[in-house]
Each structure stands twice: as C-alpha cells, then as structure tokens.
Amino acid sequence: MVFKEAKYASFVRKLHRWGFVRLTSGTGTDCFHHPLFQRGRRDLASKITCTPRDKDGKIKGVNCGRNDKPPS
C-alpha cells in the first residue's frame, strides 16, 4: 500500500498524540508500540487517551506521561 507522504506524516502525528512510540531498534523498526494496545485486551485499549493541545495548537506532554520502554 502506498500513502502520500503528507497523509502518512499526519497519521504518524496522530499516533504520537495517542501515546504510541516508534520502535527504533530490533526487527520491527517501522512499527509503533503502546503499552495499553494489546491483542485481545479491549479493556486496556479503552484506557488509551489522546494528549490535548494547548491554546497555540501544540501538543502538551509529548511523552504522554508514560515512562514505559517499548519492547526491542
């Protein structure tokens, strides 16, 4: 599947607002991770929240308050 670059960048920004992080090492380097996004665990997925923006439109708290390290 091919995405226009602008649409992909927008998609990635939205993933970051929801607290997903890109894996940078290991076999899944183009994958995203969120500790509450797990197969078969809808109860956890419902706890994922979007980071609000401030009045200037900038995202508050880039880390989304999570210190969990993604799997490598």
N, C-alpha and C. Protein backbone atom coordinates (compact mmCIF):
# COMPACT_ATOMS: atom_id res chain seq x y z
N MET A 1 0.85 -1.17 0.00
CA MET A 1 0.00 0.00 0.00
C MET A 1 0.90 1.24 0.00
N VAL A 2 0.52 2.24 -0.75
CA VAL A 2 1.32 3.45 -0.86
C VAL A 2 0.52 4.63 -0.33
N PHE A 3 1.12 5.41 0.57
CA PHE A 3 0.48 6.59 1.12
C PHE A 3 1.16 7.83 0.56
N LYS A 4 0.38 8.90 0.39
CA LYS A 4 1.01 10.17 0.09
C LYS A 4 1.79 10.57 1.33
N GLU A 5 2.95 11.19 1.12
CA GLU A 5 3.83 11.50 2.24
C GLU A 5 3.15 12.39 3.27
N ALA A 6 2.38 13.37 2.83
CA ALA A 6 1.71 14.28 3.77
C ALA A 6 0.69 13.53 4.61
N LYS A 7 -0.04 12.60 4.02
CA LYS A 7 -1.03 11.85 4.77
C LYS A 7 -0.36 10.92 5.78
N TYR A 8 0.75 10.32 5.42
CA TYR A 8 1.47 9.44 6.33
C TYR A 8 2.01 10.24 7.52
N ALA A 9 2.56 11.41 7.25
CA ALA A 9 3.09 12.26 8.32
C ALA A 9 1.97 12.65 9.29
N SER A 10 0.80 12.95 8.77
CA SER A 10 -0.34 13.29 9.61
C SER A 10 -0.75 12.09 10.46
N PHE A 11 -0.75 10.91 9.87
CA PHE A 11 -1.08 9.69 10.59
C PHE A 11 -0.10 9.44 11.73
N VAL A 12 1.18 9.65 11.47
CA VAL A 12 2.21 9.45 12.49
C VAL A 12 2.04 10.46 13.62
N ARG A 13 1.71 11.71 13.29
CA ARG A 13 1.47 12.73 14.32
C ARG A 13 0.32 12.31 15.22
N LYS A 14 -0.73 11.76 14.62
CA LYS A 14 -1.88 11.32 15.42
C LYS A 14 -1.50 10.14 16.31
N LEU A 15 -0.68 9.23 15.81
CA LEU A 15 -0.23 8.13 16.66
C LEU A 15 0.53 8.66 17.88
N HIS A 16 1.38 9.67 17.66
CA HIS A 16 2.13 10.25 18.77
C HIS A 16 1.21 10.92 19.78
N ARG A 17 0.15 11.58 19.29
CA ARG A 17 -0.81 12.22 20.20
C ARG A 17 -1.52 11.19 21.07
N TRP A 18 -1.68 9.98 20.56
CA TRP A 18 -2.34 8.92 21.32
C TRP A 18 -1.35 8.13 22.17
N GLY A 19 -0.08 8.51 22.18
CA GLY A 19 0.90 7.90 23.05
C GLY A 19 1.69 6.75 22.46
N PHE A 20 1.56 6.51 21.16
CA PHE A 20 2.33 5.45 20.52
C PHE A 20 3.74 5.96 20.25
N VAL A 21 4.72 5.07 20.35
CA VAL A 21 6.10 5.43 20.05
C VAL A 21 6.62 4.50 18.96
N ARG A 22 7.50 5.03 18.13
CA ARG A 22 8.08 4.23 17.06
C ARG A 22 9.24 3.41 17.60
N LEU A 23 9.28 2.15 17.25
CA LEU A 23 10.40 1.30 17.66
C LEU A 23 11.61 1.65 16.79
N THR A 24 12.76 1.81 17.42
CA THR A 24 13.94 2.25 16.69
C THR A 24 15.04 1.21 16.63
N SER A 25 14.84 0.07 17.29
CA SER A 25 15.85 -0.98 17.22
C SER A 25 15.16 -2.33 17.15
N GLY A 26 15.89 -3.33 16.74
CA GLY A 26 15.32 -4.67 16.64
C GLY A 26 14.73 -4.92 15.26
N THR A 27 13.90 -5.95 15.17
CA THR A 27 13.37 -6.35 13.86
C THR A 27 12.21 -5.49 13.40
N GLY A 28 11.46 -4.85 14.29
CA GLY A 28 10.30 -4.07 13.89
C GLY A 28 10.54 -2.58 13.94
N THR A 29 11.52 -2.10 13.19
CA THR A 29 11.90 -0.69 13.29
C THR A 29 10.87 0.26 12.71
N ASP A 30 9.97 -0.19 11.88
CA ASP A 30 8.93 0.68 11.33
C ASP A 30 7.59 0.41 12.00
N CYS A 31 7.63 -0.06 13.23
CA CYS A 31 6.42 -0.39 13.98
C CYS A 31 6.22 0.63 15.10
N PHE A 32 4.99 0.70 15.57
CA PHE A 32 4.65 1.57 16.69
C PHE A 32 4.21 0.72 17.86
N HIS A 33 4.44 1.22 19.07
CA HIS A 33 4.13 0.48 20.30
C HIS A 33 3.37 1.36 21.27
N HIS A 34 2.42 0.77 21.96
CA HIS A 34 1.75 1.42 23.08
C HIS A 34 1.50 0.34 24.12
N PRO A 35 1.85 0.58 25.39
CA PRO A 35 1.71 -0.47 26.40
C PRO A 35 0.27 -0.92 26.62
N LEU A 36 -0.70 -0.09 26.30
CA LEU A 36 -2.11 -0.46 26.50
C LEU A 36 -2.77 -1.02 25.25
N PHE A 37 -2.04 -1.13 24.16
CA PHE A 37 -2.59 -1.65 22.91
C PHE A 37 -2.09 -3.07 22.73
N GLN A 38 -2.90 -4.03 23.19
CA GLN A 38 -2.51 -5.43 23.16
C GLN A 38 -3.63 -6.26 22.54
N ARG A 39 -3.25 -7.23 21.76
CA ARG A 39 -4.21 -8.11 21.10
C ARG A 39 -5.11 -8.78 22.13
N GLY A 40 -6.41 -8.72 21.87
CA GLY A 40 -7.37 -9.39 22.72
C GLY A 40 -7.67 -8.68 24.03
N ARG A 41 -7.13 -7.49 24.25
CA ARG A 41 -7.33 -6.77 25.51
C ARG A 41 -8.07 -5.46 25.26
N ARG A 42 -9.34 -5.56 24.90
CA ARG A 42 -10.14 -4.36 24.65
C ARG A 42 -10.27 -3.50 25.90
N ASP A 43 -10.22 -4.13 27.07
CA ASP A 43 -10.30 -3.37 28.32
C ASP A 43 -9.14 -2.39 28.46
N LEU A 44 -7.97 -2.78 28.00
CA LEU A 44 -6.81 -1.89 28.05
C LEU A 44 -6.90 -0.80 26.99
N ALA A 45 -7.31 -1.17 25.81
CA ALA A 45 -7.38 -0.20 24.70
C ALA A 45 -8.34 0.94 25.02
N SER A 46 -9.37 0.67 25.78
CA SER A 46 -10.32 1.72 26.12
C SER A 46 -9.72 2.76 27.07
N LYS A 47 -8.57 2.47 27.66
CA LYS A 47 -7.90 3.40 28.57
C LYS A 47 -6.91 4.32 27.87
N ILE A 48 -6.68 4.11 26.58
CA ILE A 48 -5.76 4.97 25.83
C ILE A 48 -6.45 6.31 25.60
N THR A 49 -5.74 7.38 25.91
CA THR A 49 -6.32 8.72 25.74
C THR A 49 -5.43 9.56 24.84
N CYS A 50 -6.06 10.52 24.20
CA CYS A 50 -5.36 11.44 23.31
C CYS A 50 -4.81 12.60 24.13
N THR A 51 -3.60 13.02 23.83
CA THR A 51 -2.99 14.15 24.51
C THR A 51 -3.61 15.43 23.99
N PRO A 52 -4.13 16.28 24.89
CA PRO A 52 -4.76 17.53 24.44
C PRO A 52 -3.72 18.52 23.92
N ARG A 53 -4.20 19.45 23.14
CA ARG A 53 -3.34 20.52 22.61
C ARG A 53 -3.55 21.76 23.46
N ASP A 54 -2.52 22.61 23.53
CA ASP A 54 -2.68 23.86 24.25
C ASP A 54 -3.34 24.89 23.33
N LYS A 55 -3.49 26.12 23.80
CA LYS A 55 -4.20 27.14 23.03
C LYS A 55 -3.47 27.50 21.74
N ASP A 56 -2.16 27.24 21.65
CA ASP A 56 -1.40 27.52 20.43
C ASP A 56 -1.42 26.37 19.45
N GLY A 57 -2.09 25.27 19.81
CA GLY A 57 -2.18 24.12 18.94
C GLY A 57 -1.04 23.13 19.11
N LYS A 58 -0.15 23.38 20.07
CA LYS A 58 0.96 22.47 20.32
C LYS A 58 0.51 21.35 21.25
N ILE A 59 1.10 20.20 21.08
CA ILE A 59 0.74 19.05 21.90
C ILE A 59 1.36 19.19 23.28
N LYS A 60 0.54 19.00 24.30
CA LYS A 60 1.04 19.04 25.68
C LYS A 60 1.63 17.69 26.03
N GLY A 61 2.72 17.67 26.75
CA GLY A 61 3.31 16.43 27.25
C GLY A 61 3.60 15.42 26.17
N VAL A 62 4.63 15.62 25.41
CA VAL A 62 4.96 14.76 24.27
C VAL A 62 5.06 13.30 24.69
N ASN A 63 5.54 13.00 25.89
CA ASN A 63 5.68 11.62 26.35
C ASN A 63 4.36 11.02 26.80
N CYS A 64 3.32 11.81 26.90
CA CYS A 64 2.00 11.35 27.33
C CYS A 64 2.05 10.77 28.73
N GLY A 65 3.02 11.16 29.52
CA GLY A 65 3.10 10.72 30.90
C GLY A 65 3.47 9.26 31.08
N ARG A 66 4.03 8.65 30.08
CA ARG A 66 4.39 7.24 30.17
C ARG A 66 5.91 7.09 30.16
N ASN A 67 6.42 6.32 31.08
CA ASN A 67 7.85 6.04 31.13
C ASN A 67 8.17 4.63 30.73
N ASP A 68 7.15 3.90 30.24
CA ASP A 68 7.37 2.52 29.84
C ASP A 68 8.24 2.47 28.59
N LYS A 69 9.23 1.61 28.62
CA LYS A 69 10.07 1.43 27.45
C LYS A 69 9.39 0.44 26.51
N PRO A 70 9.35 0.73 25.23
CA PRO A 70 8.77 -0.23 24.28
C PRO A 70 9.67 -1.45 24.14
N PRO A 71 9.10 -2.57 23.77
CA PRO A 71 9.93 -3.75 23.57
C PRO A 71 10.90 -3.54 22.42
N SER A 72 12.07 -4.16 22.50
CA SER A 72 13.05 -4.02 21.42
C SER A 72 13.06 -5.25 20.54
